[in-house]
Protein backbone atom coordinates (compact mmCIF):
# COMPACT_ATOMS: atom_id res chain seq x y z
CA UNK A 1 35.45 37.20 11.38
CA UNK A 2 34.11 40.36 9.82
CA UNK A 3 33.38 43.33 12.05
CA UNK A 4 29.85 43.35 13.41
CA UNK A 5 27.76 45.86 15.32
CA UNK A 6 27.23 45.46 19.07
CA UNK A 7 23.62 44.28 18.63
CA UNK A 8 24.78 41.59 16.18
CA UNK A 9 27.38 39.99 18.42
CA UNK A 10 27.36 37.89 21.59
CA UNK A 11 30.08 38.58 24.18
CA UNK A 12 31.59 35.57 25.92
CA UNK A 13 32.73 35.87 29.53
CA UNK A 14 36.38 35.99 28.45
CA UNK A 15 35.68 38.92 26.15
CA UNK A 16 35.79 36.97 22.88
CA UNK A 17 33.10 38.38 20.55
CA UNK A 18 31.14 36.04 18.29
CA UNK A 19 28.49 37.16 15.81
CA UNK A 20 24.95 35.93 16.32
CA UNK A 21 24.89 34.30 12.88
CA UNK A 22 27.77 32.02 13.92
CA UNK A 23 26.06 31.16 17.21
CA UNK A 24 22.81 30.44 15.40
CA UNK A 25 24.59 28.18 12.90
CA UNK A 26 26.34 26.25 15.67
CA UNK A 27 23.07 25.71 17.57
CA UNK A 28 21.38 24.46 14.40
CA UNK A 29 24.21 21.95 13.85
CA UNK A 30 24.01 20.75 17.45
CA UNK A 31 20.27 20.16 17.18
CA UNK A 32 20.50 18.52 13.77
CA UNK A 33 23.32 16.16 14.77
CA UNK A 34 21.89 15.61 18.29
CA UNK A 35 25.30 16.25 19.83
CA UNK A 36 25.88 15.95 23.54
CA UNK A 37 25.96 19.44 25.04
CA UNK A 38 27.23 21.18 28.15
CA UNK A 39 24.35 21.81 30.55
CA UNK A 40 25.48 25.39 31.17
CA UNK A 41 26.12 26.78 27.72
CA UNK A 42 27.94 26.79 24.40
CA UNK A 43 31.73 26.48 24.39
CA UNK A 44 33.65 29.59 23.39
CA UNK A 45 33.82 29.97 19.62
CA UNK A 46 36.29 32.86 19.80
CA UNK A 47 39.49 30.99 20.65
CA UNK A 48 40.27 27.26 20.56
CA UNK A 49 41.99 27.22 23.94
CA UNK A 50 39.27 29.21 25.74
CA UNK A 51 37.30 27.17 28.28
CA UNK A 52 34.60 29.76 28.94
CA UNK A 53 31.03 29.43 27.73
CA UNK A 54 28.17 31.49 26.37
CA UNK A 55 25.20 30.71 28.68
CA UNK A 56 22.16 29.03 27.12
CA UNK A 57 19.98 31.79 28.58
CA UNK A 58 21.86 34.36 26.53
CA UNK A 59 21.70 32.20 23.40
CA UNK A 60 17.98 31.42 23.71
CA UNK A 61 17.08 35.12 23.66
CA UNK A 62 18.65 35.49 20.21
CA UNK A 63 17.07 32.41 18.62
CA UNK A 64 13.80 32.06 16.67
CA UNK A 65 11.01 30.61 18.82
CA UNK A 66 11.13 27.15 17.20
CA UNK A 67 14.89 26.78 17.69
CA UNK A 68 14.63 28.14 21.22
CA UNK A 69 12.00 25.51 22.08
CA UNK A 70 14.13 22.72 20.59
CA UNK A 71 17.18 23.92 22.50
CA UNK A 72 15.20 24.06 25.75
CA UNK A 73 14.03 20.48 25.18
CA UNK A 74 17.60 19.31 24.59
CA UNK A 75 18.86 21.06 27.74
CA UNK A 76 16.05 19.47 29.75
CA UNK A 77 17.05 16.08 28.35
CA UNK A 78 20.71 16.60 29.32
CA UNK A 79 19.68 17.64 32.85
CA UNK A 80 17.61 14.48 33.30
CA UNK A 81 20.37 12.30 31.87
CA UNK A 82 22.77 13.83 34.39
CA UNK A 83 20.41 12.62 37.14
CA UNK A 84 20.51 9.10 35.73
CA UNK A 85 17.05 9.35 34.15
CA UNK A 86 16.89 8.02 30.59
CA UNK A 87 15.17 10.45 28.25
CA UNK A 88 13.98 9.91 24.68
CA UNK A 89 13.07 12.67 22.26
CA UNK A 90 10.66 13.06 19.38
CA UNK A 91 12.54 12.92 16.08
CA UNK A 92 10.19 15.50 14.59
CA UNK A 93 9.87 18.28 17.18
CA UNK A 94 12.51 17.32 19.77
CA UNK A 95 10.04 16.99 22.68
CA UNK A 96 11.70 14.91 25.46
CA UNK A 97 9.87 12.26 27.45
CA UNK A 98 10.66 9.72 30.16
CA UNK A 99 9.15 6.37 29.20
CA UNK A 100 8.42 3.82 31.92
CA UNK A 101 8.52 0.80 29.60
CA UNK A 102 11.69 -0.47 27.94
CA UNK A 103 12.28 -0.28 24.19
CA UNK A 104 11.87 -4.04 23.95
CA UNK A 105 8.48 -3.93 25.69
CA UNK A 106 7.13 -0.99 23.69
CA UNK A 107 8.91 -0.29 20.42
CA UNK A 108 6.94 2.83 19.48
CA UNK A 109 7.67 6.38 20.64
CA UNK A 110 4.51 8.47 20.27
CA UNK A 111 5.16 12.15 20.89
CA UNK A 112 2.70 13.71 23.38
CA UNK A 113 3.45 17.12 21.85
CA UNK A 114 3.00 16.65 18.07
CA UNK A 115 1.73 13.07 17.78
CA UNK A 116 4.58 11.86 15.54
CA UNK A 117 5.70 8.25 15.94
CA UNK A 118 9.07 6.58 15.47
CA UNK A 119 10.72 3.27 16.33
CA UNK A 120 12.67 3.49 19.58
CA UNK A 121 15.18 0.91 18.34
CA UNK A 122 16.09 2.07 14.82
CA UNK A 123 14.63 5.63 15.01
CA UNK A 124 12.85 5.25 11.64
CA UNK A 125 9.41 6.85 11.25
CA UNK A 126 6.84 4.31 12.41
CA UNK A 127 4.58 2.73 9.79
CA UNK A 128 2.30 -0.31 9.97
CA UNK A 129 4.74 -2.50 8.04
CA UNK A 130 7.26 -2.19 10.89
CA UNK A 131 5.01 -4.39 13.02
CA UNK A 132 6.02 -7.28 10.74
CA UNK A 133 9.48 -6.23 9.54
CA UNK A 134 12.69 -6.01 11.55
CA UNK A 135 14.60 -2.73 11.86
CA UNK A 136 17.20 -3.94 9.33
CA UNK A 137 14.46 -4.77 6.83
CA UNK A 138 12.89 -1.35 7.33
CA UNK A 139 16.22 0.37 6.64
CA UNK A 140 16.64 -1.67 3.47
CA UNK A 141 13.27 -0.39 2.23
CA UNK A 142 13.98 3.28 2.91
CA UNK A 143 13.73 5.64 -0.06
CA UNK A 144 16.84 7.54 -1.04
CA UNK A 145 17.22 11.20 -1.94
CA UNK A 146 17.21 11.79 -5.68
CA UNK A 147 17.10 14.64 -8.12
CA UNK A 148 14.76 15.11 -11.05
CA UNK A 149 14.51 12.43 -13.71
CA UNK A 150 12.39 11.08 -16.52
CA UNK A 151 9.52 8.76 -15.81
CA UNK A 152 10.63 5.25 -16.82
CA UNK A 153 7.10 4.48 -17.93
CA UNK A 154 5.95 7.47 -19.98
CA UNK A 155 9.19 9.41 -20.53
CA UNK A 156 7.87 12.70 -19.11
CA UNK A 157 10.31 14.90 -17.24
CA UNK A 158 9.47 14.81 -13.53
CA UNK A 159 10.59 16.98 -10.62
CA UNK A 160 10.78 15.66 -7.07
CA UNK A 161 10.32 17.20 -3.65
CA UNK A 162 11.58 15.43 -0.54
CA UNK A 163 11.45 16.16 3.15
CA UNK A 164 14.61 15.71 5.19
CA UNK A 165 13.27 12.40 6.51
CA UNK A 166 12.98 11.00 2.95
CA UNK A 167 9.19 11.27 2.80
CA UNK A 168 7.40 12.83 -0.15
CA UNK A 169 6.20 16.34 0.65
CA UNK A 170 2.48 16.16 -0.16
CA UNK A 171 2.12 19.96 -0.08
CA UNK A 172 4.32 20.31 -3.15
CA UNK A 173 3.12 17.35 -5.18
CA UNK A 174 1.01 17.61 -8.30
CA UNK A 175 -0.15 15.10 -10.87
CA UNK A 176 3.22 15.06 -12.62
CA UNK A 177 5.44 14.60 -9.58
CA UNK A 178 7.82 11.65 -9.56
CA UNK A 179 8.26 8.80 -7.13
CA UNK A 180 11.33 6.67 -6.57
CA UNK A 181 11.06 2.90 -6.34
CA UNK A 182 14.55 2.08 -5.17
CA UNK A 183 18.08 3.14 -4.37
CA UNK A 184 18.74 2.77 -8.09
CA UNK A 185 16.69 5.94 -8.59
CA UNK A 186 14.03 4.68 -10.97
CA UNK A 187 11.58 7.57 -11.27
CA UNK A 188 7.89 7.28 -12.11
CA UNK A 189 5.31 10.04 -12.47
CA UNK A 190 2.12 9.85 -10.42
CA UNK A 191 0.00 9.17 -13.50
CA UNK A 192 1.91 5.97 -14.27
CA UNK A 193 1.89 4.93 -10.62
CA UNK A 194 -1.91 5.24 -10.55
CA UNK A 195 -2.13 3.01 -13.64
CA UNK A 196 0.06 0.45 -11.87
CA UNK A 197 -2.18 0.57 -8.78
CA UNK A 198 -5.24 0.13 -11.02
CA UNK A 199 -3.70 -3.08 -12.41
CA UNK A 200 -3.09 -4.33 -8.88
CA UNK A 201 -6.63 -3.78 -7.62
CA UNK A 202 -7.97 -5.36 -10.83
CA UNK A 203 -5.91 -8.47 -10.08
CA UNK A 204 -3.69 -8.23 -13.17
CA UNK A 205 -0.41 -7.32 -11.44
CA UNK A 206 1.81 -8.89 -8.80
CA UNK A 207 1.14 -7.86 -5.20
CA UNK A 208 3.92 -7.71 -2.60
CA UNK A 209 3.43 -7.47 1.16
CA UNK A 210 5.52 -4.30 1.28
CA UNK A 211 4.32 -2.55 -1.87
CA UNK A 212 4.51 -3.00 -5.64
CA UNK A 213 7.54 -4.26 -7.56
CA UNK A 214 9.55 -1.61 -9.38
CA UNK A 215 7.70 -1.05 -12.69
CA UNK A 216 10.93 -0.48 -14.63
CA UNK A 217 12.00 -3.01 -17.24
CA UNK A 218 15.47 -3.30 -15.72
CA UNK A 219 14.99 -6.39 -13.52
CA UNK A 220 14.96 -4.19 -10.43
CA UNK A 221 14.16 -6.17 -7.27
CA UNK A 222 13.16 -3.13 -5.20
CA UNK A 223 9.66 -1.87 -4.47
CA UNK A 224 7.56 1.25 -4.05
CA UNK A 225 6.08 1.01 -0.57
CA UNK A 226 2.35 1.01 0.22
CA UNK A 227 2.44 4.30 2.21
CA UNK A 228 4.02 6.14 -0.73
CA UNK A 229 1.53 4.63 -3.17
CA UNK A 230 -1.37 5.87 -1.05
CA UNK A 231 -0.11 9.46 -1.45
CA UNK A 232 -0.78 9.26 -5.19
CA UNK A 233 -4.25 7.71 -5.32
CA UNK A 234 -7.62 8.96 -4.09
CA UNK A 235 -11.24 7.91 -3.67
CA UNK A 236 -12.30 4.41 -4.67
CA UNK A 237 -8.83 3.49 -5.91
CA UNK A 238 -7.31 4.40 -2.55
CA UNK A 239 -9.90 2.31 -0.69
CA UNK A 240 -9.31 -0.67 -2.98
CA UNK A 241 -5.56 -0.33 -2.51
CA UNK A 242 -6.11 -0.33 1.26
CA UNK A 243 -8.04 -3.59 0.91
CA UNK A 244 -5.14 -5.13 -1.06
CA UNK A 245 -2.72 -4.03 1.66
CA UNK A 246 -4.90 -5.66 4.30
CA UNK A 247 -5.14 -8.89 2.32
CA UNK A 248 -1.37 -9.01 1.80
CA UNK A 249 -0.77 -8.62 5.55
CA UNK A 250 -3.30 -11.32 6.39
CA UNK A 251 -1.84 -13.73 3.83
CA UNK A 252 1.61 -13.45 5.40
CA UNK A 253 0.03 -14.22 8.77
CA UNK A 254 -1.41 -17.42 7.30
CA UNK A 255 -4.98 -16.13 7.40
CA UNK A 256 -7.12 -16.89 4.33
CA UNK A 257 -9.32 -14.00 3.26
CA UNK A 258 -12.03 -13.39 0.68
CA UNK A 259 -13.19 -10.06 -0.73
CA UNK A 260 -16.46 -8.61 -1.89
CA UNK A 261 -16.55 -8.32 -5.69
CA UNK A 262 -18.57 -5.10 -5.40
CA UNK A 263 -16.74 -2.99 -2.79
CA UNK A 264 -13.55 -5.02 -2.07
CA UNK A 265 -14.40 -5.42 1.61
CA UNK A 266 -12.14 -8.17 2.98
CA UNK A 267 -13.40 -10.82 5.37
CA UNK A 268 -12.16 -13.97 7.06
CA UNK A 269 -14.74 -16.75 6.63
CA UNK A 270 -14.63 -19.68 9.04
CA UNK A 271 -16.83 -21.95 6.90
CA UNK A 272 -15.22 -23.52 3.77
CA UNK A 273 -16.62 -22.77 0.30
CA UNK A 274 -18.02 -26.27 -0.04
CA UNK A 275 -20.22 -25.83 3.04
CA UNK A 276 -21.38 -22.28 2.29
CA UNK A 277 -21.11 -21.24 -1.35
CA UNK A 278 -22.31 -17.64 -0.91
CA UNK A 279 -20.16 -14.66 0.10
CA UNK A 280 -22.43 -12.08 1.78
CA UNK A 281 -20.67 -8.74 2.17
CA UNK A 282 -21.27 -7.30 5.67
CA UNK A 283 -20.46 -3.83 4.33
CA UNK A 284 -22.51 -3.33 1.16
CA UNK A 285 -24.75 -6.42 1.20
CA UNK A 286 -23.64 -7.70 -2.22
CA UNK A 287 -23.48 -11.46 -2.75
CA UNK A 288 -21.36 -13.64 -5.03
CA UNK A 289 -20.47 -17.29 -5.45
CA UNK A 290 -17.30 -18.15 -3.54
CA UNK A 291 -16.42 -20.86 -6.07
CA UNK A 292 -16.88 -19.20 -9.47
CA UNK A 293 -17.01 -15.52 -8.33
CA UNK A 294 -20.25 -14.91 -10.26
CA UNK A 295 -22.88 -12.60 -8.81
CA UNK A 296 -25.18 -14.74 -6.69
CA UNK A 297 -28.75 -15.24 -7.91
CA UNK A 298 -31.51 -17.71 -7.14
CA UNK A 299 -30.84 -19.43 -10.47
CA UNK A 300 -27.20 -19.92 -9.53
CA UNK A 301 -28.34 -21.71 -6.42
CA UNK A 302 -30.16 -24.21 -8.63
CA UNK A 303 -27.31 -24.99 -11.05
CA UNK A 304 -23.58 -25.79 -10.87
CA UNK A 305 -20.99 -23.11 -11.62
CA UNK A 306 -20.38 -22.69 -15.37
CA UNK A 307 -16.95 -23.55 -16.69
CA UNK A 308 -16.13 -20.00 -17.73
CA UNK A 309 -17.61 -18.26 -14.69
CA UNK A 310 -14.31 -18.26 -12.80
CA UNK A 311 -12.65 -16.13 -15.49
CA UNK A 312 -14.29 -12.87 -14.42
CA UNK A 313 -16.98 -11.41 -12.23
CA UNK A 314 -19.62 -9.71 -14.32
CA UNK A 315 -21.10 -6.73 -12.56
């Protein structure tokens, strides 16, 4: 170790100096890897055979506030575990909590400090799809880290920004940022993704419960998930995509749904089409024929559906 000034080093009880940068690095690794720690302090880093410690109190004074708070939470967790009390921690901020219900009874950990949610069984970030999918299926859908690449659709060079938890960092995204559809690292720029979403909401592309199929022409069986798609669309397109997500979830549950041709509001109708031919949207008030999808008019009520009416809904 290089020589350091007195203010830059921490003195262990056995007289083995250790620079603060080394202590800081070790604490960061402990927190990141969620290692089990000694309740009293950090083991001596000066000599391998030394059994003395650097007290946590001493360490905490030299840490940035955020790291100090995380360390305090971890120490609190270890203290409770030592008393036989099971503690779970937020995967985002490290806040510890004692939950009265078992993981099997309540699968979601919702942090009372920062509001983040994760699955208590597989520790993945909690999303709506996890209510249907098993933990193994959720892991299989997880996006992988990837570097920059060309958009498979338009050929433009795209850069990518990822958080440590594999989510896209919205603060750094712009219209040319790339997404990744699979572990095979097929990259697509946001512009092409929006075009793909437009095809879905217009009914001209395949819809999957979990997202959209990889748009590459390489027979890729992976998908781009719904939550990631929503990060790249706004306004009406985002609302229509939300409606498609809702319909996909209901279909898997065996529930038949119908949607308004004007605003895409989705509804479950108890009466069959043959008994009540008119869809009356409870949201926007628009009406259409449930059989041919034409806009409903008084004339339509006096004549049968035309043969070509089912091809498209004319606004």
